[in-house]
Amino acid sequence: MNIEQSSDQEASLRSTRLLSRRIQQVLAIDPEAPALAFGSQKLTWSYFRDAVEALEKLLAAEPRAHRIGIVLRNRPGSVASVIATIATGREIVTLSPHLGDSGLGDDIRALSPDVVIADPEDWAREHVVRAAADIGAIAIECSGEHGLVAHDATWTAAPSLLPATDIAVLMMTSGTTGRPKRVELTYERMTAAYLAAGTPIKDTDPAKLRSGTAILWASLAHISGLYFAVAHVLLGRETALMEKFEVDPWVELMRRSKPPFVGLPPTAMRMVLDADVPQDVFEGVKAVGSGTAPLPAAMADAFEDKYGIPVLVTYGATEFAGAIAGWSLTDRKRWGTSKRGSVGRAHHGIDLRIVDRDSLELLPSGEIGLLEARGGQLPETETGWTRTTDLASIDEDGFLYIHGRADDAINRGGFKIPPSVIEDALLAHPAVLSASCVGLPHERLGEVPAVAVTLRQPVEVAELWEWLDGRLTRYQRPVDLKIVDELPLTPSMKVSRPLVKALFTNPS
C-alpha cells in the first residue's frame, strides 16, 4: 500500500466516526447563530466551521498528520482547535500551558505530535518554540480573532507521521498511583461516555441547536473541561467560556447567561458559599452538578438549604473518559435526601461491584471494599472489570458511596497528585538526597501538598522552589517545603508519612 492509499484510508476512517459526524452536522445548522462567548467577544458557529476548514487546509500537504498537540488555554482558539481536531477525526495530544517552561518543552519532545497548536502567548515561550522545532512539528497559531492560521516557523516541518489509531484524546492524568501518565481515550470510549451520560448523538437523534447557555471554566487541559467543551458542541448549545473560576466574574456571567444547569465542584461551591452569593443569581437553575472531587455531605446540605436547588453529584475519572455514576433529577425526586452522601447510581451501560481489597472476592450490598467497574467507556482488561483505588460500597438500591482512597494520592480540589510526582522532581536536583511529600488538610481545597527533603550538599530553599517551578504544574506545586536533617522512619525503616505530616502540622 502506498502513502497516497494509506492517506485516503485514514481520511475515510475519520469521516465515519460518530462524534466527528455529529459535530459537522451541528456546525452546518445555522452558522451565524451564537456559539461561544468569551468576555466581550461573541462568536458564532461559523467560527468553529472555519476552524475545521482551516485545519484541513493547513494539513493538506501532510494528510497523514493526525496527532495534534494543543497547548490548552481556556480561550476561544483552544476550544476551536479541540473541535476542529475531533470534527476531522484526528487525535488530540493535550499540552498544559501551566507546566513550567522546561516541563512543557520536555512534554512536547516526549510526545512528538505531528502538529503543535498554541496561542500567541505560548508561541512566545522559547521552550515551546525549541521543542516544536526539535520534533519538526507543523506549527499552527490559534486565537479568538483569527481562528487557526499557520505560525511563522523558522524550521522546516518534518513530523513523525506515526500510523493513525482510534485515539481521540491522549489525555494527561495525575493518576491514582505512581507518576502522572497519559491515558488513551479512543473514539469508541469517548462515544460510549457521552451515550452513557445520555447525550443524544446517535444517528437516530437529529442534530439541533438548543436554547440556554452553558458556562465552562474547568481547564481544557483536564478531562472535565475538555469533555464538556465537546459535549456542548455535540448538543448544539452556546458556551460562555472563562479562563478560571472567580466568584465575581462568574456571578456576572450567571446573571447574564441564566443557565438551566450549573457545574460547581466542591472547591467552587465552597467559594460561592463563603462569598454569600445572593439567591437570585441562581434564578432559573434547575440543578447544580458537582464532581472531580469528593463533596462533603454537609457542604451539599448547606448549599441546598441556602439556595433551594438540588445538588447532583457525579463520580468518574480521566481513565473512564468521564463520569460513570451520578445523580439524576428523576432519582433525586424519588429518593429525596434518603441517600445522603451517595454519588448516585451507575450510568447507562455501566456495571459496578465491590470486591474485598485483599481476597478480591465479591462483597455483598453495604460492605466496603475496592470499587470495580465495566462498560464501553472503560479500559479493556482481561476480566472485563477495571479495578479502582477507591474504597466504596453499594446499597441494595444501587447507590454508590465512596469512603476514601486506598492509596496516597493527594486530592487538591479535584486534581489528583501522587506524592511521587513532587518527590521525583526534587530527587532530580543534585543537592537533594531524599524527599517525602504528604497531603495537608485544607478547608477549601480538601488537601494540599507539602514536602520535606534531606540534602547531600548545601542548597538554598529558593533554588529548590525555582527548580520545582520549571517542572510542575501550578496545582502540583507544594504549599510548603522544609529542609530537615533526616526523614522520620517507621520501625521497618520506611519513611513514615504520618510523622512527615507532623513536621508541618506540629512543627514544635
Protein backbone atom coordinates (compact mmCIF):
# COMPACT_ATOMS: atom_id res chain seq x y z
CA MET A 1 0.00 0.00 0.00
CA ASN A 2 1.46 3.37 -0.99
CA ILE A 3 1.32 6.56 1.07
CA GLU A 4 -1.50 8.04 -1.01
CA GLN A 5 -3.69 4.97 -0.49
CA SER A 6 -2.89 4.99 3.24
CA SER A 7 -3.87 8.66 3.48
CA ASP A 8 -7.16 8.00 1.68
CA GLN A 9 -7.99 5.16 4.05
CA GLU A 10 -7.20 7.33 7.09
CA ALA A 11 -9.45 10.12 5.78
CA SER A 12 -12.24 7.59 5.12
CA LEU A 13 -11.93 6.21 8.66
CA ARG A 14 -12.07 9.68 10.19
CA SER A 15 -15.23 10.57 8.28
CA THR A 16 -17.15 7.56 9.69
CA ARG A 17 -16.70 8.45 13.37
CA LEU A 18 -19.94 9.32 15.14
CA LEU A 19 -18.55 12.24 17.15
CA SER A 20 -16.98 13.74 14.02
CA ARG A 21 -20.20 13.41 12.02
CA ARG A 22 -22.32 14.93 14.76
CA ILE A 23 -20.06 17.97 15.16
CA GLN A 24 -20.08 18.57 11.40
CA GLN A 25 -23.90 18.31 11.42
CA VAL A 26 -24.26 20.83 14.26
CA LEU A 27 -21.89 23.33 12.62
CA ALA A 28 -23.96 23.25 9.42
CA ILE A 29 -27.34 24.06 11.02
CA ASP A 30 -27.08 27.85 11.42
CA PRO A 31 -23.51 29.14 11.06
CA GLU A 32 -24.47 32.64 12.22
CA ALA A 33 -26.18 31.59 15.47
CA PRO A 34 -24.28 32.33 18.73
CA ALA A 35 -21.91 29.55 19.77
CA LEU A 36 -19.20 30.92 22.07
CA ALA A 37 -18.86 33.92 24.38
CA PHE A 38 -15.57 34.97 25.96
CA GLY A 39 -15.62 38.25 27.85
CA SER A 40 -16.97 40.83 25.41
CA GLN A 41 -16.22 38.58 22.43
CA LYS A 42 -19.19 36.87 20.74
CA LEU A 43 -18.50 34.12 18.23
CA THR A 44 -20.91 32.17 16.02
CA TRP A 45 -20.91 28.55 14.87
CA SER A 46 -19.10 29.71 11.75
CA TYR A 47 -16.04 30.30 13.95
CA PHE A 48 -15.86 26.55 14.60
CA ARG A 49 -16.75 25.69 10.99
CA ASP A 50 -13.95 27.92 9.73
CA ALA A 51 -11.51 26.29 12.15
CA VAL A 52 -12.39 22.86 10.77
CA GLU A 53 -11.82 24.04 7.20
CA ALA A 54 -8.59 25.82 8.18
CA LEU A 55 -7.16 22.71 9.85
CA GLU A 56 -7.86 20.62 6.76
CA LYS A 57 -6.19 23.21 4.51
CA LEU A 58 -3.18 23.67 6.78
CA LEU A 59 -2.58 19.91 6.79
CA ALA A 60 -3.38 19.30 3.12
CA ALA A 61 0.31 18.92 2.29
CA GLU A 62 0.68 16.30 5.05
CA PRO A 63 -2.62 14.34 5.01
CA ARG A 64 -1.17 11.71 7.37
CA ALA A 65 -0.59 14.30 10.10
CA HIS A 66 -3.17 13.26 12.68
CA ARG A 67 -1.60 13.74 16.15
CA ILE A 68 -2.46 17.32 17.11
CA GLY A 69 -0.69 18.70 20.18
CA ILE A 70 -2.72 21.60 21.60
CA VAL A 71 -1.48 23.92 24.35
CA LEU A 72 -4.87 24.17 26.01
CA ARG A 73 -5.76 27.54 27.44
CA ASN A 74 -9.39 28.36 28.27
CA ARG A 75 -9.61 30.69 25.30
CA PRO A 76 -11.66 30.54 22.08
CA GLY A 77 -8.70 29.46 19.94
CA SER A 78 -8.07 26.39 22.07
CA VAL A 79 -11.74 25.41 22.03
CA ALA A 80 -11.80 25.81 18.24
CA SER A 81 -8.66 23.65 17.97
CA VAL A 82 -10.28 20.89 20.03
CA ILE A 83 -13.48 20.97 17.99
CA ALA A 84 -11.62 21.04 14.66
CA THR A 85 -9.47 18.07 15.69
CA ILE A 86 -12.45 15.93 16.76
CA ALA A 87 -14.55 17.07 13.77
CA THR A 88 -11.82 15.84 11.42
CA GLY A 89 -11.36 12.57 13.32
CA ARG A 90 -7.80 13.28 14.44
CA GLU A 91 -6.08 12.78 17.80
CA ILE A 92 -5.75 15.50 20.46
CA VAL A 93 -2.49 15.39 22.41
CA THR A 94 -3.20 17.57 25.44
CA LEU A 95 -0.46 20.00 26.48
CA SER A 96 -0.81 22.04 29.64
CA PRO A 97 0.14 25.73 29.48
CA HIS A 98 0.56 25.67 33.26
CA LEU A 99 3.65 23.48 33.18
CA GLY A 100 6.89 25.32 33.74
CA ASP A 101 8.69 26.27 30.52
CA SER A 102 11.12 23.36 30.64
CA GLY A 103 8.37 20.94 31.63
CA LEU A 104 6.18 21.92 28.68
CA GLY A 105 9.13 21.71 26.31
CA ASP A 106 10.02 18.25 27.59
CA ASP A 107 6.38 17.17 27.19
CA ILE A 108 6.31 18.27 23.54
CA ARG A 109 9.55 16.43 22.78
CA ALA A 110 8.48 13.24 24.56
CA LEU A 111 5.06 13.09 22.89
CA SER A 112 6.28 14.29 19.47
CA PRO A 113 2.91 15.28 17.95
CA ASP A 114 2.75 15.92 14.21
CA VAL A 115 1.29 19.37 14.84
CA VAL A 116 1.63 21.88 17.67
CA ILE A 117 -1.21 24.40 18.04
CA ALA A 118 -0.69 27.20 20.53
CA ASP A 119 -1.87 30.65 21.50
CA PRO A 120 0.45 33.55 20.57
CA GLU A 121 1.32 33.81 24.27
CA ASP A 122 2.69 30.28 24.21
CA TRP A 123 4.47 30.66 20.87
CA ALA A 124 6.36 33.48 22.63
CA ARG A 125 7.78 30.91 25.08
CA GLU A 126 11.28 29.94 23.95
CA HIS A 127 10.98 26.37 25.25
CA VAL A 128 7.82 25.77 23.18
CA VAL A 129 9.48 27.02 20.01
CA ARG A 130 12.64 24.98 20.59
CA ALA A 131 10.69 21.79 21.32
CA ALA A 132 8.42 22.19 18.28
CA ALA A 133 11.47 22.76 16.09
CA ASP A 134 13.28 19.75 17.60
CA ILE A 135 10.45 17.39 16.59
CA GLY A 136 9.79 19.07 13.23
CA ALA A 137 6.18 19.81 14.12
CA ILE A 138 3.80 21.65 11.84
CA ALA A 139 3.22 24.93 13.69
CA ILE A 140 -0.26 26.46 13.92
CA GLU A 141 -1.38 29.53 15.84
CA CYS A 142 -4.85 29.80 17.37
CA SER A 143 -6.72 32.87 18.56
CA GLY A 144 -10.19 34.28 19.01
CA GLU A 145 -9.60 36.83 16.27
CA HIS A 146 -8.13 34.67 13.51
CA GLY A 147 -9.08 31.10 14.41
CA LEU A 148 -6.38 28.75 13.09
CA VAL A 149 -3.54 30.11 10.95
CA ALA A 150 -0.04 28.96 10.10
CA HIS A 151 2.56 30.05 12.64
CA ASP A 152 5.62 31.76 11.18
CA ALA A 153 8.04 28.95 11.98
CA THR A 154 11.78 29.19 11.43
CA TRP A 155 12.16 25.45 10.82
CA THR A 156 11.11 23.05 8.10
CA ALA A 157 8.27 20.78 9.19
CA ALA A 158 9.16 17.09 9.27
CA PRO A 159 6.56 15.42 11.54
CA SER A 160 6.92 11.82 12.69
CA LEU A 161 3.65 10.74 10.99
CA LEU A 162 3.05 7.64 13.10
CA PRO A 163 0.30 5.28 11.90
CA ALA A 164 -3.22 6.51 12.64
CA THR A 165 -5.15 4.94 15.51
CA ASP A 166 -8.63 5.25 17.03
CA ILE A 167 -7.34 7.53 19.81
CA ALA A 168 -9.43 10.68 20.19
CA VAL A 169 -7.56 12.22 23.14
CA LEU A 170 -4.18 11.42 24.63
CA MET A 171 -5.00 12.93 27.99
CA MET A 172 -2.70 13.73 30.87
CA THR A 173 -3.87 12.45 34.23
CA SER A 174 -2.37 12.73 37.67
CA GLY A 175 -3.39 9.11 38.07
CA THR A 176 -4.27 7.35 41.29
CA THR A 177 -0.93 5.63 41.89
CA GLY A 178 2.60 6.35 40.70
CA ARG A 179 3.76 9.04 38.32
CA PRO A 180 1.44 11.05 36.05
CA LYS A 181 0.71 9.18 32.88
CA ARG A 182 -1.07 9.51 29.57
CA VAL A 183 -4.44 7.87 29.10
CA GLU A 184 -5.52 6.83 25.61
CA LEU A 185 -9.19 7.78 25.22
CA THR A 186 -10.37 6.26 21.97
CA TYR A 187 -13.25 7.49 19.83
CA GLU A 188 -15.12 4.35 20.81
CA ARG A 189 -14.68 5.03 24.54
CA MET A 190 -15.44 8.74 24.26
CA THR A 191 -18.60 7.96 22.29
CA ALA A 192 -19.62 5.42 24.95
CA ALA A 193 -19.04 8.04 27.67
CA TYR A 194 -21.35 10.56 26.01
CA LEU A 195 -24.01 7.91 25.37
CA ALA A 196 -23.78 6.67 28.98
CA ALA A 197 -24.43 10.22 30.19
CA GLY A 198 -27.50 10.45 27.95
CA THR A 199 -26.08 12.78 25.29
CA PRO A 200 -28.30 12.38 22.18
CA ILE A 201 -25.70 11.78 19.48
CA LYS A 202 -26.95 8.65 17.72
CA ASP A 203 -27.81 8.92 14.03
CA THR A 204 -31.46 8.50 15.05
CA ASP A 205 -31.19 11.66 17.20
CA PRO A 206 -31.50 14.71 14.92
CA ALA A 207 -28.80 17.35 15.36
CA LYS A 208 -30.17 20.68 16.56
CA LEU A 209 -29.23 23.93 18.26
CA ARG A 210 -30.55 24.28 21.80
CA SER A 211 -31.60 27.22 23.89
CA GLY A 212 -29.75 28.15 27.05
CA THR A 213 -26.08 28.85 27.69
CA ALA A 214 -23.57 26.59 29.43
CA ILE A 215 -20.79 28.15 31.50
CA LEU A 216 -17.38 26.46 31.14
CA TRP A 217 -14.44 27.35 33.35
CA ALA A 218 -12.90 23.92 34.08
CA SER A 219 -9.45 23.66 32.48
CA LEU A 220 -9.43 22.29 28.95
CA ALA A 221 -6.18 20.55 29.83
CA HIS A 222 -8.12 18.18 32.08
CA ILE A 223 -10.90 15.73 31.31
CA SER A 224 -13.75 17.72 32.87
CA GLY A 225 -13.06 20.84 30.82
CA LEU A 226 -12.34 19.08 27.53
CA TYR A 227 -15.27 16.66 27.95
CA PHE A 228 -17.80 19.46 28.38
CA ALA A 229 -16.28 21.67 25.68
CA VAL A 230 -17.00 18.88 23.19
CA ALA A 231 -20.34 17.96 24.82
CA HIS A 232 -21.72 21.48 24.43
CA VAL A 233 -20.97 21.43 20.71
CA LEU A 234 -22.45 17.94 20.30
CA LEU A 235 -25.62 19.30 21.95
CA GLY A 236 -25.61 22.48 19.88
CA ARG A 237 -25.53 24.65 22.99
CA GLU A 238 -23.83 28.04 23.31
CA THR A 239 -20.87 28.12 25.71
CA ALA A 240 -19.80 31.02 27.90
CA LEU A 241 -16.08 30.50 28.48
CA MET A 242 -14.00 31.61 31.48
CA GLU A 243 -10.24 31.25 31.87
CA LYS A 244 -10.64 30.23 35.51
CA PHE A 245 -13.21 30.30 38.27
CA GLU A 246 -13.52 33.60 40.10
CA VAL A 247 -16.66 34.36 42.06
CA ASP A 248 -17.44 37.93 40.94
CA PRO A 249 -16.98 37.38 37.16
CA TRP A 250 -18.87 34.09 37.47
CA VAL A 251 -21.77 35.81 39.22
CA GLU A 252 -21.89 38.43 36.48
CA LEU A 253 -21.91 35.70 33.84
CA MET A 254 -24.63 33.80 35.71
CA ARG A 255 -26.87 36.87 35.75
CA ARG A 256 -26.28 37.47 32.05
CA SER A 257 -26.49 33.88 30.79
CA LYS A 258 -29.07 32.35 33.18
CA PRO A 259 -28.00 28.73 32.54
CA PRO A 260 -30.50 25.99 33.46
CA PHE A 261 -27.75 23.78 34.87
CA VAL A 262 -24.51 24.78 36.62
CA GLY A 263 -21.34 22.85 37.46
CA LEU A 264 -19.79 23.58 40.86
CA PRO A 265 -17.11 21.15 42.09
CA PRO A 266 -16.53 21.26 45.86
CA THR A 267 -13.82 23.95 45.72
CA ALA A 268 -16.00 26.32 43.67
CA MET A 269 -19.08 25.53 45.76
CA ARG A 270 -17.16 26.42 48.92
CA MET A 271 -16.10 29.73 47.34
CA VAL A 272 -19.73 30.52 46.41
CA LEU A 273 -20.91 29.79 49.94
CA ASP A 274 -18.08 31.78 51.55
CA ALA A 275 -18.83 34.75 49.28
CA ASP A 276 -22.51 34.64 50.32
CA VAL A 277 -23.63 34.86 46.69
CA PRO A 278 -27.24 36.15 46.53
CA GLN A 279 -30.02 33.65 45.87
CA ASP A 280 -31.28 35.47 42.79
CA VAL A 281 -28.05 34.58 40.97
CA PHE A 282 -29.47 31.05 40.65
CA GLU A 283 -32.77 32.15 39.17
CA GLY A 284 -33.88 29.56 36.62
CA VAL A 285 -31.24 26.98 37.65
CA LYS A 286 -32.81 23.50 37.88
CA ALA A 287 -29.84 21.68 39.39
CA VAL A 288 -26.17 22.05 40.26
CA GLY A 289 -23.73 19.31 39.26
CA SER A 290 -20.67 18.52 41.33
CA GLY A 291 -17.78 16.19 40.53
CA THR A 292 -13.96 15.94 40.20
CA ALA A 293 -13.50 15.61 43.99
CA PRO A 294 -15.43 14.23 46.97
CA LEU A 295 -18.24 16.57 48.03
CA PRO A 296 -18.80 16.60 51.81
CA ALA A 297 -22.45 15.89 52.55
CA ALA A 298 -22.52 18.85 54.94
CA MET A 299 -21.45 21.21 52.14
CA ALA A 300 -24.15 19.87 49.83
CA ASP A 301 -26.71 20.33 52.63
CA ALA A 302 -25.55 23.89 53.27
CA PHE A 303 -25.83 24.77 49.58
CA GLU A 304 -29.28 23.22 49.18
CA ASP A 305 -30.53 24.86 52.37
CA LYS A 306 -29.34 28.28 51.20
CA TYR A 307 -30.37 28.16 47.54
CA GLY A 308 -33.12 25.55 47.42
CA ILE A 309 -31.52 23.83 44.39
CA PRO A 310 -30.70 20.11 44.29
CA VAL A 311 -27.01 19.17 44.07
CA LEU A 312 -26.42 16.24 41.71
CA VAL A 313 -23.09 14.55 42.41
CA THR A 314 -21.21 12.54 39.78
CA TYR A 315 -18.32 10.09 40.03
CA GLY A 316 -15.71 9.50 37.33
CA ALA A 317 -12.06 9.72 36.37
CA THR A 318 -9.83 10.59 33.45
CA GLU A 319 -9.24 6.89 32.85
CA PHE A 320 -13.01 6.42 32.45
CA ALA A 321 -13.35 9.16 29.79
CA GLY A 322 -15.76 10.95 32.13
CA ALA A 323 -18.36 10.06 34.74
CA ILE A 324 -19.62 6.50 35.23
CA ALA A 325 -22.12 7.19 38.01
CA GLY A 326 -24.18 10.10 39.22
CA TRP A 327 -27.46 11.51 40.43
CA SER A 328 -30.30 12.38 38.07
CA LEU A 329 -33.20 14.72 38.80
CA THR A 330 -35.50 11.71 38.49
CA ASP A 331 -33.60 9.81 41.19
CA ARG A 332 -33.50 12.90 43.38
CA LYS A 333 -37.25 13.36 43.16
CA ARG A 334 -37.83 9.70 44.01
CA TRP A 335 -35.29 9.26 46.79
CA GLY A 336 -35.06 12.79 48.20
CA THR A 337 -32.37 13.02 50.88
CA SER A 338 -32.62 9.38 51.98
CA LYS A 339 -29.38 8.53 50.13
CA ARG A 340 -27.40 11.40 51.63
CA GLY A 341 -23.68 11.14 50.85
CA SER A 342 -24.10 8.90 47.79
CA VAL A 343 -22.52 9.82 44.43
CA GLY A 344 -25.55 8.35 42.65
CA ARG A 345 -26.14 5.24 40.58
CA ALA A 346 -24.30 3.71 37.64
CA HIS A 347 -24.81 5.41 34.29
CA HIS A 348 -26.49 3.57 31.45
CA GLY A 349 -24.28 0.73 30.19
CA ILE A 350 -22.05 0.74 33.30
CA ASP A 351 -21.81 -2.10 35.84
CA LEU A 352 -20.36 -1.57 39.31
CA ARG A 353 -19.31 -4.01 42.01
CA ILE A 354 -17.32 -4.09 45.26
CA VAL A 355 -14.55 -6.61 45.99
CA ASP A 356 -12.54 -7.33 49.10
CA ARG A 357 -9.29 -5.38 48.97
CA ASP A 358 -7.24 -8.45 49.99
CA SER A 359 -9.00 -11.53 48.60
CA LEU A 360 -10.71 -9.65 45.73
CA GLU A 361 -13.85 -11.71 46.41
CA LEU A 362 -17.21 -10.11 45.60
CA LEU A 363 -18.77 -8.34 48.60
CA PRO A 364 -22.50 -8.04 49.39
CA SER A 365 -24.51 -4.80 49.46
CA GLY A 366 -23.34 -2.32 52.07
CA GLU A 367 -19.87 -3.83 52.57
CA ILE A 368 -16.86 -1.57 51.99
CA GLY A 369 -14.13 -2.68 49.59
CA LEU A 370 -12.46 -1.75 46.30
CA LEU A 371 -14.72 -0.44 43.56
CA GLU A 372 -14.62 -2.18 40.18
CA ALA A 373 -16.44 -1.06 37.04
CA ARG A 374 -17.03 -2.21 33.48
CA GLY A 375 -18.60 -0.68 30.41
CA GLY A 376 -17.86 0.64 26.95
CA GLN A 377 -16.06 3.75 28.15
CA LEU A 378 -13.67 1.88 30.46
CA PRO A 379 -10.28 0.41 29.51
CA GLU A 380 -10.22 -3.17 28.25
CA THR A 381 -8.97 -5.70 30.80
CA GLU A 382 -8.65 -9.50 30.86
CA THR A 383 -11.61 -9.83 33.21
CA GLY A 384 -13.64 -7.00 31.70
CA TRP A 385 -13.58 -5.21 35.08
CA THR A 386 -11.47 -2.14 35.83
CA ARG A 387 -10.31 -2.00 39.44
CA THR A 388 -10.09 1.44 41.03
CA THR A 389 -8.20 2.53 44.12
CA ASP A 390 -11.36 3.93 45.69
CA LEU A 391 -12.90 2.34 48.77
CA ALA A 392 -16.64 2.17 48.22
CA SER A 393 -19.93 0.43 48.98
CA ILE A 394 -23.15 -0.07 47.01
CA ASP A 395 -26.51 -0.29 48.77
CA GLU A 396 -29.44 -2.52 47.89
CA ASP A 397 -30.88 0.15 45.58
CA GLY A 398 -27.66 0.51 43.56
CA PHE A 399 -26.49 3.79 45.10
CA LEU A 400 -22.70 4.16 45.23
CA TYR A 401 -20.88 5.57 48.27
CA ILE A 402 -17.19 6.50 48.19
CA HIS A 403 -15.33 6.05 51.50
CA GLY A 404 -11.86 7.28 50.62
CA ARG A 405 -8.82 6.08 48.72
CA ALA A 406 -6.67 3.01 49.07
CA ASP A 407 -3.53 4.90 48.01
CA ASP A 408 -1.63 8.05 48.98
CA ALA A 409 -2.79 10.32 46.16
CA ILE A 410 -3.43 13.92 47.27
CA ASN A 411 -6.73 15.35 46.03
CA ARG A 412 -6.23 19.09 45.64
CA GLY A 413 -9.64 20.46 44.74
CA GLY A 414 -10.22 17.64 42.25
CA PHE A 415 -6.65 17.43 40.89
CA LYS A 416 -5.02 14.13 41.89
CA ILE A 417 -1.35 14.45 42.82
CA PRO A 418 0.67 11.28 43.51
CA PRO A 419 3.36 12.22 46.08
CA SER A 420 5.97 10.67 43.77
CA VAL A 421 5.44 13.46 41.22
CA ILE A 422 6.84 16.06 43.61
CA GLU A 423 9.35 13.71 45.24
CA ASP A 424 10.86 12.66 41.90
CA ALA A 425 11.09 16.27 40.73
CA LEU A 426 13.13 17.14 43.82
CA LEU A 427 15.25 13.99 43.69
CA ALA A 428 16.39 15.05 40.23
CA HIS A 429 18.14 18.04 41.85
CA PRO A 430 21.81 17.20 42.55
CA ALA A 431 21.67 18.57 46.09
CA VAL A 432 18.64 16.55 47.25
CA LEU A 433 19.22 13.22 48.98
CA SER A 434 15.66 12.18 49.87
CA ALA A 435 12.15 13.63 49.74
CA SER A 436 8.76 12.82 51.18
CA CYS A 437 5.54 14.52 50.11
CA VAL A 438 2.32 14.46 52.16
CA GLY A 439 -1.15 15.93 51.93
CA LEU A 440 -2.18 18.57 54.46
CA PRO A 441 -5.85 19.32 55.22
CA HIS A 442 -7.22 22.49 53.61
CA GLU A 443 -10.66 23.96 54.25
CA ARG A 444 -11.37 24.99 50.65
CA LEU A 445 -9.32 22.54 48.54
CA GLY A 446 -9.59 19.44 50.72
CA GLU A 447 -5.87 18.69 50.62
CA VAL A 448 -2.69 20.47 49.57
CA PRO A 449 0.82 19.01 49.16
CA ALA A 450 3.83 19.75 51.35
CA VAL A 451 7.27 18.18 51.09
CA ALA A 452 10.26 17.56 53.36
CA VAL A 453 13.75 16.93 51.97
CA THR A 454 17.19 15.96 53.18
CA LEU A 455 20.32 17.17 51.41
CA ARG A 456 23.56 15.67 50.18
CA GLN A 457 25.10 19.16 49.83
CA PRO A 458 24.05 22.66 50.88
CA VAL A 459 21.41 24.45 48.80
CA GLU A 460 19.09 27.41 49.35
CA VAL A 461 15.35 26.73 49.64
CA ALA A 462 14.77 29.42 46.99
CA GLU A 463 16.78 27.36 44.49
CA LEU A 464 14.60 24.31 45.16
CA TRP A 465 11.44 26.37 44.64
CA GLU A 466 12.81 27.64 41.32
CA TRP A 467 13.71 24.07 40.35
CA LEU A 468 10.13 22.91 41.00
CA ASP A 469 8.60 25.87 39.13
CA GLY A 470 10.09 24.58 35.89
CA ARG A 471 8.91 21.00 36.41
CA LEU A 472 5.47 21.06 38.00
CA THR A 473 2.06 22.45 37.14
CA ARG A 474 0.62 25.11 39.42
CA TYR A 475 -1.69 22.66 41.18
CA GLN A 476 1.21 20.22 41.78
CA ARG A 477 3.37 22.89 43.40
CA PRO A 478 3.62 22.22 47.16
CA VAL A 479 2.46 24.87 49.63
CA ASP A 480 5.45 24.26 51.92
CA LEU A 481 8.95 22.84 51.58
CA LYS A 482 11.12 22.01 54.57
CA ILE A 483 14.78 21.02 54.69
CA VAL A 484 15.30 18.55 57.56
CA ASP A 485 18.27 16.62 58.92
CA GLU A 486 16.54 13.28 58.39
CA LEU A 487 13.12 11.94 57.44
CA PRO A 488 11.22 10.15 60.23
CA LEU A 489 11.15 6.37 59.79
CA THR A 490 8.91 3.50 60.87
CA PRO A 491 10.36 0.55 62.83
CA SER A 492 10.72 -1.24 59.48
CA MET A 493 12.90 1.65 58.28
CA LYS A 494 10.38 3.05 55.83
CA VAL A 495 9.57 6.76 55.71
CA SER A 496 6.58 7.43 57.95
CA ARG A 497 4.16 9.73 56.11
CA PRO A 498 2.15 10.47 59.31
CA LEU A 499 5.36 11.62 61.04
CA VAL A 500 6.35 13.66 57.98
CA LYS A 501 2.93 15.29 58.09
CA ALA A 502 3.53 16.10 61.75
CA LEU A 503 6.57 18.15 60.73
CA PHE A 504 4.10 20.59 59.15
CA THR A 505 1.07 20.28 61.43
CA ASN A 506 3.04 20.10 64.71
CA PRO A 507 6.35 21.80 63.92
CA SER A 508 7.36 22.07 67.58
